């Protein structure tokens, strides 16, 4: 199956063979699906194939979201949110990412779960065409936007399911995002509350991040002055070097500020989260 797990050339060091793991895991996966093998056409969603594995595993579950699927010899189209899965290694994952990009029509052999929400991939997918699926694909690719007075035009980022716009924050253009699943009106109202006191919130969030992370920044620091010594990064210097890039705001008043680190952590991000009622309550270096 897939034609990928071929016998490898012998090497001087002992390596595990992913075929053995495949033989163990794929039959366990198959029992979750109906036994019939079908030829299926499907529309992929906003993201390509992805997968993750636990430490020591040769293979892991690989999956992609679908927005519609149909059997090749049936006019019935199933629309909604579906998952197409298999098991594989890094080689298979890369091949599937090339063959099955986001917003694409595929043809493949597969099996379907009893509820029709999950599909099992049995071979390498190929490009396909169907006029009805093409219409679904074109519709899902259309931009989804809305206008909010005082904030501007929000556009849906389908890959992460949030709406985003660009706003001015103390003379700097940043990204403002609200989760698609949040209560929109509450989230927008909270965003306006935050922006109305931007100067106060900016200082408060920076100060919290500095208090929590300046010690770590000094542990990371490799800067040297002309005397060959590493100067201490002060709280004020930490605050000044943070570069605000985006704010996420929720309907419940929760927020997350994302900063560029100004080389405090050599290119990592600084995340500060909290809520409008209690202020920032967590800061971390990310990435």
C-alpha atoms as a PDB file:
ATOM      1  CA  UNK A   1       0.000   0.000   0.000  1.00  0.00           C
ATOM      2  CA  UNK A   2       1.310   3.436  -1.046  1.00  0.00           C
ATOM      3  CA  UNK A   3       4.399   1.703  -2.468  1.00  0.00           C
ATOM      4  CA  UNK A   4       6.629   3.609  -0.102  1.00  0.00           C
ATOM      5  CA  UNK A   5       7.804   1.074   2.395  1.00  0.00           C
ATOM      6  CA  UNK A   6      10.340  -0.664   0.183  1.00  0.00           C
ATOM      7  CA  UNK A   7      13.256  -2.643   1.433  1.00  0.00           C
ATOM      8  CA  UNK A   8      16.070  -0.333   2.416  1.00  0.00           C
ATOM      9  CA  UNK A   9      19.718  -0.822   1.610  1.00  0.00           C
ATOM     10  CA  UNK A  10      21.635  -2.329   4.481  1.00  0.00           C
ATOM     11  CA  UNK A  11      23.549   0.173   6.566  1.00  0.00           C
ATOM     12  CA  UNK A  12      26.359  -0.226   9.033  1.00  0.00           C
ATOM     13  CA  UNK A  13      24.170   0.973  11.897  1.00  0.00           C
ATOM     14  CA  UNK A  14      20.950  -0.707  12.953  1.00  0.00           C
ATOM     15  CA  UNK A  15      17.800   1.267  12.092  1.00  0.00           C
ATOM     16  CA  UNK A  16      14.182   0.396  12.742  1.00  0.00           C
ATOM     17  CA  UNK A  17      12.063  -0.496   9.731  1.00  0.00           C
ATOM     18  CA  UNK A  18       8.834   1.535   9.497  1.00  0.00           C
ATOM     19  CA  UNK A  19       7.177  -1.302   7.588  1.00  0.00           C
ATOM     20  CA  UNK A  20       6.914  -3.344  10.783  1.00  0.00           C
ATOM     21  CA  UNK A  21       5.233  -0.473  12.614  1.00  0.00           C
ATOM     22  CA  UNK A  22       2.944   0.014   9.617  1.00  0.00           C
ATOM     23  CA  UNK A  23       1.848  -3.642   9.715  1.00  0.00           C
ATOM     24  CA  UNK A  24       0.903  -3.267  13.367  1.00  0.00           C
ATOM     25  CA  UNK A  25      -0.866   0.083  13.244  1.00  0.00           C
ATOM     26  CA  UNK A  26      -2.758   0.096   9.955  1.00  0.00           C
ATOM     27  CA  UNK A  27      -4.974  -2.955  10.710  1.00  0.00           C
ATOM     28  CA  UNK A  28      -5.942  -1.341  14.024  1.00  0.00           C
ATOM     29  CA  UNK A  29      -6.923   1.799  12.155  1.00  0.00           C
ATOM     30  CA  UNK A  30      -8.919  -0.110   9.539  1.00  0.00           C
ATOM     31  CA  UNK A  31     -11.384  -1.590  12.045  1.00  0.00           C
ATOM     32  CA  UNK A  32     -12.797   1.910  12.642  1.00  0.00           C
ATOM     33  CA  UNK A  33     -14.122   2.041   9.054  1.00  0.00           C
ATOM     34  CA  UNK A  34     -16.591   0.165   6.879  1.00  0.00           C
ATOM     35  CA  UNK A  35     -14.946  -2.721   4.958  1.00  0.00           C
ATOM     36  CA  UNK A  36     -15.879  -1.539   1.441  1.00  0.00           C
ATOM     37  CA  UNK A  37     -13.139   0.144  -0.574  1.00  0.00           C
ATOM     38  CA  UNK A  38     -14.498   3.040  -2.585  1.00  0.00           C
ATOM     39  CA  UNK A  39     -13.205   5.432  -5.215  1.00  0.00           C
ATOM     40  CA  UNK A  40     -13.754   8.861  -3.712  1.00  0.00           C
ATOM     41  CA  UNK A  41     -13.521  12.433  -4.954  1.00  0.00           C
ATOM     42  CA  UNK A  42     -13.094  15.104  -2.292  1.00  0.00           C
ATOM     43  CA  UNK A  43     -12.419  18.787  -1.715  1.00  0.00           C
ATOM     44  CA  UNK A  44      -9.640  19.640   0.726  1.00  0.00           C
ATOM     45  CA  UNK A  45      -9.990  22.443   3.247  1.00  0.00           C
ATOM     46  CA  UNK A  46      -7.854  25.417   4.219  1.00  0.00           C
ATOM     47  CA  UNK A  47      -4.885  23.358   5.428  1.00  0.00           C
ATOM     48  CA  UNK A  48      -2.798  20.600   3.900  1.00  0.00           C
ATOM     49  CA  UNK A  49      -1.796  17.262   5.385  1.00  0.00           C
ATOM     50  CA  UNK A  50      -0.306  17.315   8.858  1.00  0.00           C
ATOM     51  CA  UNK A  51       0.732  14.809  11.460  1.00  0.00           C
ATOM     52  CA  UNK A  52       2.483  14.294  14.746  1.00  0.00           C
ATOM     53  CA  UNK A  53       4.172  11.458  16.533  1.00  0.00           C
ATOM     54  CA  UNK A  54       5.158  10.558  20.039  1.00  0.00           C
ATOM     55  CA  UNK A  55       8.770   9.936  20.957  1.00  0.00           C
ATOM     56  CA  UNK A  56      10.131   6.728  19.494  1.00  0.00           C
ATOM     57  CA  UNK A  57       7.360   6.140  16.964  1.00  0.00           C
ATOM     58  CA  UNK A  58       8.385   5.392  13.395  1.00  0.00           C
ATOM     59  CA  UNK A  59       4.883   6.121  12.108  1.00  0.00           C
ATOM     60  CA  UNK A  60       2.084   8.383  13.205  1.00  0.00           C
ATOM     61  CA  UNK A  61      -1.374   9.451  12.133  1.00  0.00           C
ATOM     62  CA  UNK A  62      -1.426  11.770   9.089  1.00  0.00           C
ATOM     63  CA  UNK A  63      -4.608  13.654   8.272  1.00  0.00           C
ATOM     64  CA  UNK A  64      -6.191  16.457   6.275  1.00  0.00           C
ATOM     65  CA  UNK A  65      -9.531  18.228   6.543  1.00  0.00           C
ATOM     66  CA  UNK A  66     -12.130  17.849   3.785  1.00  0.00           C
ATOM     67  CA  UNK A  67     -15.130  20.077   3.095  1.00  0.00           C
ATOM     68  CA  UNK A  68     -16.980  17.758   0.692  1.00  0.00           C
ATOM     69  CA  UNK A  69     -16.717  14.243  -0.712  1.00  0.00           C
ATOM     70  CA  UNK A  70     -18.586  11.904  -3.055  1.00  0.00           C
ATOM     71  CA  UNK A  71     -18.188   8.432  -4.475  1.00  0.00           C
ATOM     72  CA  UNK A  72     -17.056   8.442  -8.086  1.00  0.00           C
ATOM     73  CA  UNK A  73     -20.147   6.574  -9.294  1.00  0.00           C
ATOM     74  CA  UNK A  74     -22.690   8.423  -7.126  1.00  0.00           C
ATOM     75  CA  UNK A  75     -24.285  11.867  -7.528  1.00  0.00           C
ATOM     76  CA  UNK A  76     -24.639  12.297  -3.756  1.00  0.00           C
ATOM     77  CA  UNK A  77     -22.294  14.924  -2.293  1.00  0.00           C
ATOM     78  CA  UNK A  78     -21.549  15.065   1.422  1.00  0.00           C
ATOM     79  CA  UNK A  79     -20.770  18.604   2.618  1.00  0.00           C
ATOM     80  CA  UNK A  80     -19.442  19.611   6.019  1.00  0.00           C
ATOM     81  CA  UNK A  81     -16.269  18.989   8.001  1.00  0.00           C
ATOM     82  CA  UNK A  82     -14.553  15.635   7.441  1.00  0.00           C
ATOM     83  CA  UNK A  83     -11.145  14.117   8.166  1.00  0.00           C
ATOM     84  CA  UNK A  84      -9.102  11.966   5.785  1.00  0.00           C
ATOM     85  CA  UNK A  85      -6.436   9.946   7.610  1.00  0.00           C
ATOM     86  CA  UNK A  86      -3.772   7.292   7.272  1.00  0.00           C
ATOM     87  CA  UNK A  87      -0.563   6.296   9.024  1.00  0.00           C
ATOM     88  CA  UNK A  88       2.889   6.996   7.653  1.00  0.00           C
ATOM     89  CA  UNK A  89       6.340   8.424   8.152  1.00  0.00           C
ATOM     90  CA  UNK A  90       7.977  11.719   7.188  1.00  0.00           C
ATOM     91  CA  UNK A  91       8.508  10.548   3.588  1.00  0.00           C
ATOM     92  CA  UNK A  92       4.812   9.782   3.089  1.00  0.00           C
ATOM     93  CA  UNK A  93       3.798  13.021   4.796  1.00  0.00           C
ATOM     94  CA  UNK A  94       5.893  15.093   2.398  1.00  0.00           C
ATOM     95  CA  UNK A  95       4.513  13.237  -0.629  1.00  0.00           C
ATOM     96  CA  UNK A  96       0.931  13.736   0.530  1.00  0.00           C
ATOM     97  CA  UNK A  97       1.557  17.418   1.138  1.00  0.00           C
ATOM     98  CA  UNK A  98       2.662  17.796  -2.477  1.00  0.00           C
ATOM     99  CA  UNK A  99      -0.149  15.673  -3.930  1.00  0.00           C
ATOM    100  CA  UNK A 100      -2.943  17.042  -1.753  1.00  0.00           C
ATOM    101  CA  UNK A 101      -2.548  20.781  -1.144  1.00  0.00           C
ATOM    102  CA  UNK A 102      -5.207  22.889   0.510  1.00  0.00           C
ATOM    103  CA  UNK A 103      -8.242  23.980  -1.528  1.00  0.00           C
ATOM    104  CA  UNK A 104      -7.902  21.149  -4.036  1.00  0.00           C
ATOM    105  CA  UNK A 105      -9.972  18.323  -5.576  1.00  0.00           C
ATOM    106  CA  UNK A 106      -8.628  14.802  -5.009  1.00  0.00           C
ATOM    107  CA  UNK A 107      -9.376  11.292  -6.179  1.00  0.00           C
ATOM    108  CA  UNK A 108      -8.333   8.318  -4.069  1.00  0.00           C
ATOM    109  CA  UNK A 109      -9.218   4.847  -2.852  1.00  0.00           C
ATOM    110  CA  UNK A 110     -10.655   4.947   0.629  1.00  0.00           C
ATOM    111  CA  UNK A 111     -12.934   3.576   3.274  1.00  0.00           C
ATOM    112  CA  UNK A 112     -15.579   5.495   5.194  1.00  0.00           C
ATOM    113  CA  UNK A 113     -16.558   5.451   8.872  1.00  0.00           C
ATOM    114  CA  UNK A 114     -20.095   4.505   9.850  1.00  0.00           C
ATOM    115  CA  UNK A 115     -21.091   8.123  10.413  1.00  0.00           C
ATOM    116  CA  UNK A 116     -19.436   9.311   7.189  1.00  0.00           C
ATOM    117  CA  UNK A 117     -17.341  11.891   9.041  1.00  0.00           C
ATOM    118  CA  UNK A 118     -13.985  10.111   8.729  1.00  0.00           C
ATOM    119  CA  UNK A 119     -12.289   8.588   5.697  1.00  0.00           C
ATOM    120  CA  UNK A 120      -9.301   6.253   5.495  1.00  0.00           C
ATOM    121  CA  UNK A 121      -6.781   6.819   2.711  1.00  0.00           C
ATOM    122  CA  UNK A 122      -5.709   3.604   0.961  1.00  0.00           C
ATOM    123  CA  UNK A 123      -3.514   4.891  -1.872  1.00  0.00           C
ATOM    124  CA  UNK A 124      -1.769   8.009  -3.124  1.00  0.00           C
ATOM    125  CA  UNK A 125      -4.326  10.662  -4.144  1.00  0.00           C
ATOM    126  CA  UNK A 126      -4.438  12.190  -7.614  1.00  0.00           C
ATOM    127  CA  UNK A 127      -5.846  15.473  -8.963  1.00  0.00           C
ATOM    128  CA  UNK A 128      -9.475  15.198 -10.026  1.00  0.00           C
ATOM    129  CA  UNK A 129     -12.320  17.252 -11.426  1.00  0.00           C
ATOM    130  CA  UNK A 130     -16.060  17.317 -10.907  1.00  0.00           C
ATOM    131  CA  UNK A 131     -18.197  20.368 -11.779  1.00  0.00           C
ATOM    132  CA  UNK A 132     -20.223  20.226  -8.584  1.00  0.00           C
ATOM    133  CA  UNK A 133     -17.127  19.865  -6.402  1.00  0.00           C
ATOM    134  CA  UNK A 134     -15.490  22.658  -8.389  1.00  0.00           C
ATOM    135  CA  UNK A 135     -18.403  24.941  -7.499  1.00  0.00           C
ATOM    136  CA  UNK A 136     -18.010  24.046  -3.819  1.00  0.00           C
ATOM    137  CA  UNK A 137     -14.284  24.735  -4.019  1.00  0.00           C
ATOM    138  CA  UNK A 138     -14.739  28.136  -5.631  1.00  0.00           C
ATOM    139  CA  UNK A 139     -17.339  29.128  -3.049  1.00  0.00           C
ATOM    140  CA  UNK A 140     -15.154  28.189  -0.093  1.00  0.00           C
ATOM    141  CA  UNK A 141     -12.219  30.201  -1.483  1.00  0.00           C
ATOM    142  CA  UNK A 142     -14.199  33.434  -1.595  1.00  0.00           C
ATOM    143  CA  UNK A 143     -13.052  35.965   1.034  1.00  0.00           C
ATOM    144  CA  UNK A 144     -15.286  36.255   4.092  1.00  0.00           C
ATOM    145  CA  UNK A 145     -15.237  39.781   5.503  1.00  0.00           C
ATOM    146  CA  UNK A 146     -17.186  42.195   7.647  1.00  0.00           C
ATOM    147  CA  UNK A 147     -16.819  45.861   8.518  1.00  0.00           C
ATOM    148  CA  UNK A 148     -16.770  47.207  12.067  1.00  0.00           C
ATOM    149  CA  UNK A 149     -16.899  50.936  12.657  1.00  0.00           C
ATOM    150  CA  UNK A 150     -13.755  52.118  14.401  1.00  0.00           C
ATOM    151  CA  UNK A 151     -11.840  48.932  13.661  1.00  0.00           C
ATOM    152  CA  UNK A 152     -12.055  48.453   9.888  1.00  0.00           C
ATOM    153  CA  UNK A 153     -12.570  45.428   7.683  1.00  0.00           C
ATOM    154  CA  UNK A 154     -12.044  42.001   9.244  1.00  0.00           C
ATOM    155  CA  UNK A 155     -11.121  39.095   6.963  1.00  0.00           C
ATOM    156  CA  UNK A 156     -11.513  35.435   7.872  1.00  0.00           C
ATOM    157  CA  UNK A 157      -8.231  33.560   7.994  1.00  0.00           C
ATOM    158  CA  UNK A 158      -9.533  30.081   7.171  1.00  0.00           C
ATOM    159  CA  UNK A 159      -6.315  28.330   8.151  1.00  0.00           C
ATOM    160  CA  UNK A 160      -6.700  29.285  11.810  1.00  0.00           C
ATOM    161  CA  UNK A 161     -10.441  30.142  11.942  1.00  0.00           C
ATOM    162  CA  UNK A 162     -10.131  33.712  13.114  1.00  0.00           C
ATOM    163  CA  UNK A 163     -11.019  37.132  11.778  1.00  0.00           C
ATOM    164  CA  UNK A 164      -8.211  39.662  11.520  1.00  0.00           C
ATOM    165  CA  UNK A 165      -7.739  43.313  10.655  1.00  0.00           C
ATOM    166  CA  UNK A 166      -4.980  45.920  10.878  1.00  0.00           C
ATOM    167  CA  UNK A 167      -5.324  48.695  13.473  1.00  0.00           C
ATOM    168  CA  UNK A 168      -3.208  51.564  14.722  1.00  0.00           C
ATOM    169  CA  UNK A 169      -1.683  50.980  18.160  1.00  0.00           C
ATOM    170  CA  UNK A 170       0.183  54.042  19.420  1.00  0.00           C
ATOM    171  CA  UNK A 171       1.458  54.863  15.939  1.00  0.00           C
ATOM    172  CA  UNK A 172       2.290  51.269  14.970  1.00  0.00           C
ATOM    173  CA  UNK A 173       0.141  49.104  12.690  1.00  0.00           C
ATOM    174  CA  UNK A 174      -0.592  45.749  14.306  1.00  0.00           C
ATOM    175  CA  UNK A 175      -2.860  42.783  13.626  1.00  0.00           C
ATOM    176  CA  UNK A 176      -6.045  42.507  15.675  1.00  0.00           C
ATOM    177  CA  UNK A 177      -7.742  39.105  15.689  1.00  0.00           C
ATOM    178  CA  UNK A 178     -10.924  37.590  17.098  1.00  0.00           C
ATOM    179  CA  UNK A 179     -11.686  33.873  17.156  1.00  0.00           C
ATOM    180  CA  UNK A 180     -14.360  32.788  14.675  1.00  0.00           C
ATOM    181  CA  UNK A 181     -16.005  30.738  17.430  1.00  0.00           C
ATOM    182  CA  UNK A 182     -16.198  33.655  19.887  1.00  0.00           C
ATOM    183  CA  UNK A 183     -19.263  35.844  20.412  1.00  0.00           C
ATOM    184  CA  UNK A 184     -18.439  38.435  17.781  1.00  0.00           C
ATOM    185  CA  UNK A 185     -20.225  41.437  19.262  1.00  0.00           C
ATOM    186  CA  UNK A 186     -18.668  40.939  22.691  1.00  0.00           C
ATOM    187  CA  UNK A 187     -15.210  40.421  21.182  1.00  0.00           C
ATOM    188  CA  UNK A 188     -15.511  43.596  19.094  1.00  0.00           C
ATOM    189  CA  UNK A 189     -16.716  45.580  22.088  1.00  0.00           C
ATOM    190  CA  UNK A 190     -13.749  44.310  24.121  1.00  0.00           C
ATOM    191  CA  UNK A 191     -11.364  45.228  21.304  1.00  0.00           C
ATOM    192  CA  UNK A 192     -12.661  48.801  21.317  1.00  0.00           C
ATOM    193  CA  UNK A 193     -12.298  48.964  25.105  1.00  0.00           C
ATOM    194  CA  UNK A 194      -8.691  47.829  24.810  1.00  0.00           C
ATOM    195  CA  UNK A 195      -7.866  50.305  22.040  1.00  0.00           C
ATOM    196  CA  UNK A 196      -9.508  53.193  23.893  1.00  0.00           C
ATOM    197  CA  UNK A 197      -6.893  52.821  26.649  1.00  0.00           C
ATOM    198  CA  UNK A 198      -4.034  51.670  24.452  1.00  0.00           C
ATOM    199  CA  UNK A 199      -1.340  53.676  26.225  1.00  0.00           C
ATOM    200  CA  UNK A 200      -2.263  52.332  29.662  1.00  0.00           C
ATOM    201  CA  UNK A 201      -2.578  48.739  28.458  1.00  0.00           C
ATOM    202  CA  UNK A 202       0.667  48.947  26.492  1.00  0.00           C
ATOM    203  CA  UNK A 203       2.603  50.046  29.561  1.00  0.00           C
ATOM    204  CA  UNK A 204       0.878  47.534  31.816  1.00  0.00           C
ATOM    205  CA  UNK A 205       1.499  44.571  29.544  1.00  0.00           C
ATOM    206  CA  UNK A 206       5.123  45.491  28.866  1.00  0.00           C
ATOM    207  CA  UNK A 207       5.811  45.997  32.554  1.00  0.00           C
ATOM    208  CA  UNK A 208       4.330  42.599  33.414  1.00  0.00           C
ATOM    209  CA  UNK A 209       6.399  40.877  30.717  1.00  0.00           C
ATOM    210  CA  UNK A 210       9.563  42.598  31.913  1.00  0.00           C
ATOM    211  CA  UNK A 211       8.953  41.627  35.542  1.00  0.00           C
ATOM    212  CA  UNK A 212       8.402  38.004  34.520  1.00  0.00           C
ATOM    213  CA  UNK A 213      11.102  37.602  31.863  1.00  0.00           C
ATOM    214  CA  UNK A 214      13.946  40.094  32.342  1.00  0.00           C
ATOM    215  CA  UNK A 215      15.891  37.610  34.444  1.00  0.00           C
ATOM    216  CA  UNK A 216      15.589  35.002  31.684  1.00  0.00           C
ATOM    217  CA  UNK A 217      16.672  37.587  29.106  1.00  0.00           C
ATOM    218  CA  UNK A 218      19.815  38.268  31.111  1.00  0.00           C
ATOM    219  CA  UNK A 219      20.516  34.536  31.276  1.00  0.00           C
ATOM    220  CA  UNK A 220      20.247  34.445  27.471  1.00  0.00           C
ATOM    221  CA  UNK A 221      22.231  37.607  26.829  1.00  0.00           C
ATOM    222  CA  UNK A 222      25.549  37.278  25.005  1.00  0.00           C
ATOM    223  CA  UNK A 223      25.996  40.977  24.198  1.00  0.00           C
ATOM    224  CA  UNK A 224      29.330  42.421  25.253  1.00  0.00           C
ATOM    225  CA  UNK A 225      30.376  46.016  25.697  1.00  0.00           C
ATOM    226  CA  UNK A 226      33.736  47.487  24.653  1.00  0.00           C
ATOM    227  CA  UNK A 227      35.285  46.178  27.854  1.00  0.00           C
ATOM    228  CA  UNK A 228      34.273  42.628  27.029  1.00  0.00           C
ATOM    229  CA  UNK A 229      31.610  42.485  29.738  1.00  0.00           C
ATOM    230  CA  UNK A 230      27.971  41.512  29.402  1.00  0.00           C
ATOM    231  CA  UNK A 231      25.837  44.447  30.572  1.00  0.00           C
ATOM    232  CA  UNK A 232      22.668  43.774  32.531  1.00  0.00           C
ATOM    233  CA  UNK A 233      19.403  44.297  30.649  1.00  0.00           C
ATOM    234  CA  UNK A 234      17.257  46.551  32.808  1.00  0.00           C
ATOM    235  CA  UNK A 235      13.506  46.333  33.216  1.00  0.00           C
ATOM    236  CA  UNK A 236      13.091  49.567  31.243  1.00  0.00           C
ATOM    237  CA  UNK A 237      15.328  48.325  28.422  1.00  0.00           C
ATOM    238  CA  UNK A 238      13.342  45.097  28.222  1.00  0.00           C
ATOM    239  CA  UNK A 239      10.088  47.047  27.892  1.00  0.00           C
ATOM    240  CA  UNK A 240      11.528  49.311  25.181  1.00  0.00           C
ATOM    241  CA  UNK A 241      12.863  46.454  23.060  1.00  0.00           C
ATOM    242  CA  UNK A 242       9.552  44.575  22.893  1.00  0.00           C
ATOM    243  CA  UNK A 243       7.888  45.069  19.477  1.00  0.00           C
ATOM    244  CA  UNK A 244       4.118  44.607  19.468  1.00  0.00           C
ATOM    245  CA  UNK A 245       2.917  42.613  16.427  1.00  0.00           C
ATOM    246  CA  UNK A 246      -0.600  41.396  17.195  1.00  0.00           C
ATOM    247  CA  UNK A 247      -3.385  41.214  19.766  1.00  0.00           C
ATOM    248  CA  UNK A 248      -5.985  38.466  20.099  1.00  0.00           C
ATOM    249  CA  UNK A 249      -9.149  39.442  21.971  1.00  0.00           C
ATOM    250  CA  UNK A 250     -12.006  37.193  23.103  1.00  0.00           C
ATOM    251  CA  UNK A 251     -15.663  37.675  23.833  1.00  0.00           C
ATOM    252  CA  UNK A 252     -15.000  36.886  27.502  1.00  0.00           C
ATOM    253  CA  UNK A 253     -12.451  39.710  27.774  1.00  0.00           C
ATOM    254  CA  UNK A 254      -9.406  37.478  27.519  1.00  0.00           C
ATOM    255  CA  UNK A 255      -6.478  38.760  25.473  1.00  0.00           C
ATOM    256  CA  UNK A 256      -3.094  37.696  24.177  1.00  0.00           C
ATOM    257  CA  UNK A 257      -0.411  40.173  23.127  1.00  0.00           C
ATOM    258  CA  UNK A 258       2.323  38.910  20.791  1.00  0.00           C
ATOM    259  CA  UNK A 259       5.616  40.807  20.636  1.00  0.00           C
ATOM    260  CA  UNK A 260       8.764  40.499  18.597  1.00  0.00           C
ATOM    261  CA  UNK A 261      11.540  40.098  21.139  1.00  0.00           C
ATOM    262  CA  UNK A 262      13.891  42.834  19.905  1.00  0.00           C
ATOM    263  CA  UNK A 263      16.679  40.228  20.019  1.00  0.00           C
ATOM    264  CA  UNK A 264      16.171  39.694  23.742  1.00  0.00           C
ATOM    265  CA  UNK A 265      15.779  35.972  22.998  1.00  0.00           C
ATOM    266  CA  UNK A 266      17.426  35.898  19.566  1.00  0.00           C
ATOM    267  CA  UNK A 267      14.299  35.960  17.427  1.00  0.00           C
ATOM    268  CA  UNK A 268      11.764  34.219  19.629  1.00  0.00           C
ATOM    269  CA  UNK A 269       8.377  35.734  20.404  1.00  0.00           C
ATOM    270  CA  UNK A 270       7.058  37.097  23.678  1.00  0.00           C
ATOM    271  CA  UNK A 271       3.487  36.191  24.603  1.00  0.00           C
ATOM    272  CA  UNK A 272       1.520  37.984  27.317  1.00  0.00           C
ATOM    273  CA  UNK A 273      -2.015  36.874  28.161  1.00  0.00           C
ATOM    274  CA  UNK A 274      -4.688  37.931  30.624  1.00  0.00           C
ATOM    275  CA  UNK A 275      -8.105  39.584  30.635  1.00  0.00           C
ATOM    276  CA  UNK A 276      -9.613  43.051  30.743  1.00  0.00           C
ATOM    277  CA  UNK A 277     -10.874  42.668  34.316  1.00  0.00           C
ATOM    278  CA  UNK A 278      -7.699  41.426  36.000  1.00  0.00           C
ATOM    279  CA  UNK A 279      -4.953  42.475  33.607  1.00  0.00           C
ATOM    280  CA  UNK A 280      -2.008  40.351  32.414  1.00  0.00           C
ATOM    281  CA  UNK A 281      -1.427  37.141  34.322  1.00  0.00           C
ATOM    282  CA  UNK A 282       1.003  35.107  32.178  1.00  0.00           C
ATOM    283  CA  UNK A 283       4.103  35.876  30.123  1.00  0.00           C
ATOM    284  CA  UNK A 284       6.384  33.520  28.264  1.00  0.00           C
ATOM    285  CA  UNK A 285       9.024  33.290  25.583  1.00  0.00           C
ATOM    286  CA  UNK A 286       7.683  31.285  22.626  1.00  0.00           C
ATOM    287  CA  UNK A 287       8.972  29.665  19.448  1.00  0.00           C
END
